[in-house]
Amino acid sequence: MPELLAQRPKMRYIFTGGKGGVGKTVAAAGLAYHYAAQGERVLLASLNPVHSLSSLFGQSLSGGKVVQVQGAKGVHAVEVETTEVVERYRNSIRGRVK
């Protein structure tokens, strides 16, 4: 990670978190729009199994593929299928971990 950050000094990671229903998705989308409006390229990734980003933007963002958010220049988004990711990782290390 330090090498990646050294190669891209302007790259930043911003995380939103909190209890259910406090507006994490809306806050994250607001941040994404803010930085995109300043000319930044933005990737908005959700690990929430509820898929609130799809509902918020009115388009399908599930399936693990990064897509351009319609009507939001510079904003790309993805809803990560965490169960599938964990299962793939578990299968990849099976037999190597004792």
Protein backbone atom coordinates (compact mmCIF):
# COMPACT_ATOMS: atom_id res chain seq x y z
CA MET A 1 0.00 0.00 0.00
CA PRO A 2 2.73 2.59 0.79
CA GLU A 3 4.22 2.04 -2.68
CA LEU A 4 0.85 2.60 -4.34
CA LEU A 5 0.29 5.80 -2.38
CA ALA A 6 3.80 7.02 -3.23
CA GLN A 7 3.06 6.51 -6.94
CA ARG A 8 -0.19 8.46 -6.65
CA PRO A 9 0.24 11.16 -4.01
CA LYS A 10 -3.17 12.70 -4.76
CA MET A 11 -5.04 9.40 -4.37
CA ARG A 12 -7.17 9.28 -1.26
CA TYR A 13 -9.49 6.81 0.39
CA ILE A 14 -12.52 8.12 2.24
CA PHE A 15 -14.71 5.74 4.24
CA THR A 16 -18.18 6.42 5.60
CA GLY A 17 -19.60 4.37 8.43
CA GLY A 18 -22.17 4.36 11.16
CA LYS A 19 -25.30 2.66 12.38
CA GLY A 20 -28.07 1.66 10.03
CA GLY A 21 -30.23 4.45 8.67
CA VAL A 22 -27.92 7.37 9.48
CA GLY A 23 -27.26 8.31 5.84
CA LYS A 24 -23.96 6.62 5.03
CA THR A 25 -24.90 6.01 1.40
CA VAL A 26 -26.17 9.55 0.85
CA ALA A 27 -23.07 11.02 2.52
CA ALA A 28 -20.76 8.85 0.40
CA ALA A 29 -22.62 9.82 -2.78
CA GLY A 30 -22.39 13.49 -1.81
CA LEU A 31 -18.63 13.18 -1.34
CA ALA A 32 -18.34 11.40 -4.70
CA TYR A 33 -20.26 14.17 -6.49
CA HIS A 34 -18.23 16.85 -4.70
CA TYR A 35 -14.87 15.45 -5.80
CA ALA A 36 -16.10 14.66 -9.32
CA ALA A 37 -17.28 18.28 -9.67
CA GLN A 38 -13.69 19.32 -8.92
CA GLY A 39 -12.44 17.18 -11.80
CA GLU A 40 -11.41 14.17 -9.73
CA ARG A 41 -12.09 10.63 -10.92
CA VAL A 42 -14.14 8.86 -8.26
CA LEU A 43 -14.85 5.22 -7.50
CA LEU A 44 -17.72 4.75 -5.08
CA ALA A 45 -17.67 1.18 -3.73
CA SER A 46 -20.29 -0.23 -1.38
CA LEU A 47 -19.83 -3.32 0.77
CA ASN A 48 -23.39 -3.08 2.07
CA PRO A 49 -25.38 -6.24 1.25
CA VAL A 50 -28.57 -4.15 0.94
CA HIS A 51 -27.36 -2.51 -2.32
CA SER A 52 -28.48 0.99 -1.41
CA LEU A 53 -26.36 2.59 -4.15
CA SER A 54 -28.47 0.94 -6.85
CA SER A 55 -31.59 2.33 -5.22
CA LEU A 56 -30.07 5.78 -4.76
CA PHE A 57 -28.88 6.13 -8.36
CA GLY A 58 -31.78 4.23 -9.95
CA GLN A 59 -29.50 1.86 -11.85
CA SER A 60 -28.05 -1.58 -11.25
CA LEU A 61 -24.59 -1.44 -9.71
CA SER A 62 -24.49 -5.01 -8.42
CA GLY A 63 -22.59 -7.89 -9.95
CA GLY A 64 -19.13 -6.70 -9.00
CA LYS A 65 -18.50 -4.63 -12.14
CA VAL A 66 -17.52 -0.97 -11.96
CA VAL A 67 -19.93 1.17 -14.00
CA GLN A 68 -20.32 4.86 -14.81
CA VAL A 69 -23.06 6.46 -12.72
CA GLN A 70 -25.63 7.85 -15.16
CA GLY A 71 -25.71 11.64 -15.15
CA ALA A 72 -22.62 11.94 -12.94
CA LYS A 73 -19.51 12.67 -14.99
CA GLY A 74 -16.42 11.24 -13.32
CA VAL A 75 -18.31 9.04 -10.85
CA HIS A 76 -18.06 5.28 -11.16
CA ALA A 77 -19.60 2.87 -8.69
CA VAL A 78 -19.80 -0.79 -7.75
CA GLU A 79 -21.65 -2.82 -5.17
CA VAL A 80 -19.28 -5.53 -4.01
CA GLU A 81 -20.80 -8.93 -3.34
CA THR A 82 -18.98 -9.47 -0.04
CA THR A 83 -20.22 -13.03 0.47
CA GLU A 84 -18.80 -14.08 -2.91
CA VAL A 85 -15.48 -12.30 -2.28
CA VAL A 86 -15.05 -13.97 1.12
CA GLU A 87 -15.93 -17.38 -0.33
CA ARG A 88 -13.42 -16.99 -3.20
CA TYR A 89 -10.71 -16.01 -0.70
CA ARG A 90 -11.60 -18.91 1.59
CA ASN A 91 -11.33 -21.33 -1.33
CA SER A 92 -8.01 -19.84 -2.43
CA ILE A 93 -6.38 -20.45 0.96
CA ARG A 94 -8.04 -23.76 1.76
CA GLY A 95 -5.37 -26.36 2.41
CA ARG A 96 -2.65 -23.77 3.04
CA VAL A 97 -3.97 -22.69 6.44
CA LYS A 98 -3.76 -25.11 9.34
